[in-house]
Amino acid sequence: MRKRVYTMVEIKKAVSKMDGEKVDLKIHLGRNRFKGYSGTIQNIYNAVFTVVSPDNTTKVFSYFDVACGDVVFISAN
């Protein structure tokens, strides 16, 4: 079955709906390496969004990373 392709507008709307919510992410680091990350979506900008972990470290992700599958939302609480 073919994978559904999302537009940047759809991804931005989906992420903006999760603003302030706790999320779990799977980040692709390359060469079949993945890292889990959990935190709260804090700020949403035109090209990026920030996720703050419970120990107050901030990570910045772009919507393009989500579109190409380098960042995957595992769950949103």
C-alpha atoms as a PDB file:
ATOM      1  CA  MET A   1       0.000   0.000   0.000  1.00  0.00           C
ATOM      2  CA  ARG A   2       1.202   3.476  -0.796  1.00  0.00           C
ATOM      3  CA  LYS A   3       2.133   5.829   2.053  1.00  0.00           C
ATOM      4  CA  ARG A   4      -0.001   8.973   2.319  1.00  0.00           C
ATOM      5  CA  VAL A   5       1.890  12.175   1.579  1.00  0.00           C
ATOM      6  CA  TYR A   6       1.114  15.160   3.772  1.00  0.00           C
ATOM      7  CA  THR A   7       1.594  18.763   2.689  1.00  0.00           C
ATOM      8  CA  MET A   8       3.451  21.293   4.799  1.00  0.00           C
ATOM      9  CA  VAL A   9       0.168  23.056   5.562  1.00  0.00           C
ATOM     10  CA  GLU A  10      -1.354  19.835   6.922  1.00  0.00           C
ATOM     11  CA  ILE A  11       1.712  19.147   9.043  1.00  0.00           C
ATOM     12  CA  LYS A  12       1.740  22.694  10.449  1.00  0.00           C
ATOM     13  CA  LYS A  13      -1.959  22.435  11.358  1.00  0.00           C
ATOM     14  CA  ALA A  14      -1.439  19.074  13.058  1.00  0.00           C
ATOM     15  CA  VAL A  15       1.528  20.337  15.083  1.00  0.00           C
ATOM     16  CA  SER A  16      -0.249  23.566  16.029  1.00  0.00           C
ATOM     17  CA  LYS A  17      -3.160  21.523  17.410  1.00  0.00           C
ATOM     18  CA  MET A  18      -0.660  19.811  19.736  1.00  0.00           C
ATOM     19  CA  ASP A  19       0.711  23.114  21.087  1.00  0.00           C
ATOM     20  CA  GLY A  20       1.298  22.769  24.831  1.00  0.00           C
ATOM     21  CA  GLU A  21       0.764  18.995  24.844  1.00  0.00           C
ATOM     22  CA  LYS A  22       3.214  16.316  25.928  1.00  0.00           C
ATOM     23  CA  VAL A  23       4.533  14.322  22.965  1.00  0.00           C
ATOM     24  CA  ASP A  24       6.859  11.379  22.381  1.00  0.00           C
ATOM     25  CA  LEU A  25       9.073  11.580  19.311  1.00  0.00           C
ATOM     26  CA  LYS A  26      11.292   9.133  17.449  1.00  0.00           C
ATOM     27  CA  ILE A  27      14.203  10.900  15.771  1.00  0.00           C
ATOM     28  CA  HIS A  28      16.129   9.316  12.897  1.00  0.00           C
ATOM     29  CA  LEU A  29      19.849   9.937  13.345  1.00  0.00           C
ATOM     30  CA  GLY A  30      20.966   8.199  10.153  1.00  0.00           C
ATOM     31  CA  ARG A  31      22.308   4.748   9.336  1.00  0.00           C
ATOM     32  CA  ASN A  32      19.415   2.963  11.037  1.00  0.00           C
ATOM     33  CA  ARG A  33      19.958   4.769  14.354  1.00  0.00           C
ATOM     34  CA  PHE A  34      16.990   6.200  16.208  1.00  0.00           C
ATOM     35  CA  LYS A  35      16.591   8.119  19.438  1.00  0.00           C
ATOM     36  CA  GLY A  36      13.482   8.612  21.515  1.00  0.00           C
ATOM     37  CA  TYR A  37      12.635  12.046  22.880  1.00  0.00           C
ATOM     38  CA  SER A  38       9.709  13.209  24.972  1.00  0.00           C
ATOM     39  CA  GLY A  39       8.649  16.661  26.005  1.00  0.00           C
ATOM     40  CA  THR A  40       6.093  19.404  25.542  1.00  0.00           C
ATOM     41  CA  ILE A  41       5.604  21.425  22.369  1.00  0.00           C
ATOM     42  CA  GLN A  42       6.255  24.956  23.531  1.00  0.00           C
ATOM     43  CA  ASN A  43       6.646  27.329  20.583  1.00  0.00           C
ATOM     44  CA  ILE A  44       5.433  27.122  17.008  1.00  0.00           C
ATOM     45  CA  TYR A  45       7.064  29.245  14.326  1.00  0.00           C
ATOM     46  CA  ASN A  46       6.729  29.456  10.532  1.00  0.00           C
ATOM     47  CA  ALA A  47       9.413  26.870   9.731  1.00  0.00           C
ATOM     48  CA  VAL A  48      10.162  25.156  13.058  1.00  0.00           C
ATOM     49  CA  PHE A  49       8.656  24.136  16.383  1.00  0.00           C
ATOM     50  CA  THR A  50      10.346  23.633  19.750  1.00  0.00           C
ATOM     51  CA  VAL A  51       9.956  20.773  22.195  1.00  0.00           C
ATOM     52  CA  VAL A  52      11.024  21.203  25.830  1.00  0.00           C
ATOM     53  CA  SER A  53      11.853  18.081  27.852  1.00  0.00           C
ATOM     54  CA  PRO A  54      11.129  17.712  31.582  1.00  0.00           C
ATOM     55  CA  ASP A  55      14.771  18.582  32.396  1.00  0.00           C
ATOM     56  CA  ASN A  56      14.365  21.919  30.515  1.00  0.00           C
ATOM     57  CA  THR A  57      16.431  21.090  27.439  1.00  0.00           C
ATOM     58  CA  THR A  58      14.978  22.526  24.262  1.00  0.00           C
ATOM     59  CA  LYS A  59      15.114  20.809  20.864  1.00  0.00           C
ATOM     60  CA  VAL A  60      14.131  22.482  17.606  1.00  0.00           C
ATOM     61  CA  PHE A  61      12.531  20.493  14.778  1.00  0.00           C
ATOM     62  CA  SER A  62      11.425  21.625  11.332  1.00  0.00           C
ATOM     63  CA  TYR A  63       8.205  20.660   9.597  1.00  0.00           C
ATOM     64  CA  PHE A  64      10.340  19.305   6.755  1.00  0.00           C
ATOM     65  CA  ASP A  65      11.854  16.777   9.196  1.00  0.00           C
ATOM     66  CA  VAL A  66       8.329  15.549   9.924  1.00  0.00           C
ATOM     67  CA  ALA A  67       7.401  15.475   6.227  1.00  0.00           C
ATOM     68  CA  CYS A  68      10.357  13.305   5.218  1.00  0.00           C
ATOM     69  CA  GLY A  69      10.057  10.992   8.225  1.00  0.00           C
ATOM     70  CA  ASP A  70      13.164  11.998  10.171  1.00  0.00           C
ATOM     71  CA  VAL A  71      10.919  12.978  13.102  1.00  0.00           C
ATOM     72  CA  VAL A  72       7.931  10.774  13.905  1.00  0.00           C
ATOM     73  CA  PHE A  73       5.287  11.494  16.533  1.00  0.00           C
ATOM     74  CA  ILE A  74       4.829   8.277  18.505  1.00  0.00           C
ATOM     75  CA  SER A  75       2.134   9.589  20.815  1.00  0.00           C
ATOM     76  CA  ALA A  76       0.552  12.800  21.945  1.00  0.00           C
ATOM     77  CA  ASN A  77      -1.039  12.961  25.406  1.00  0.00           C
END
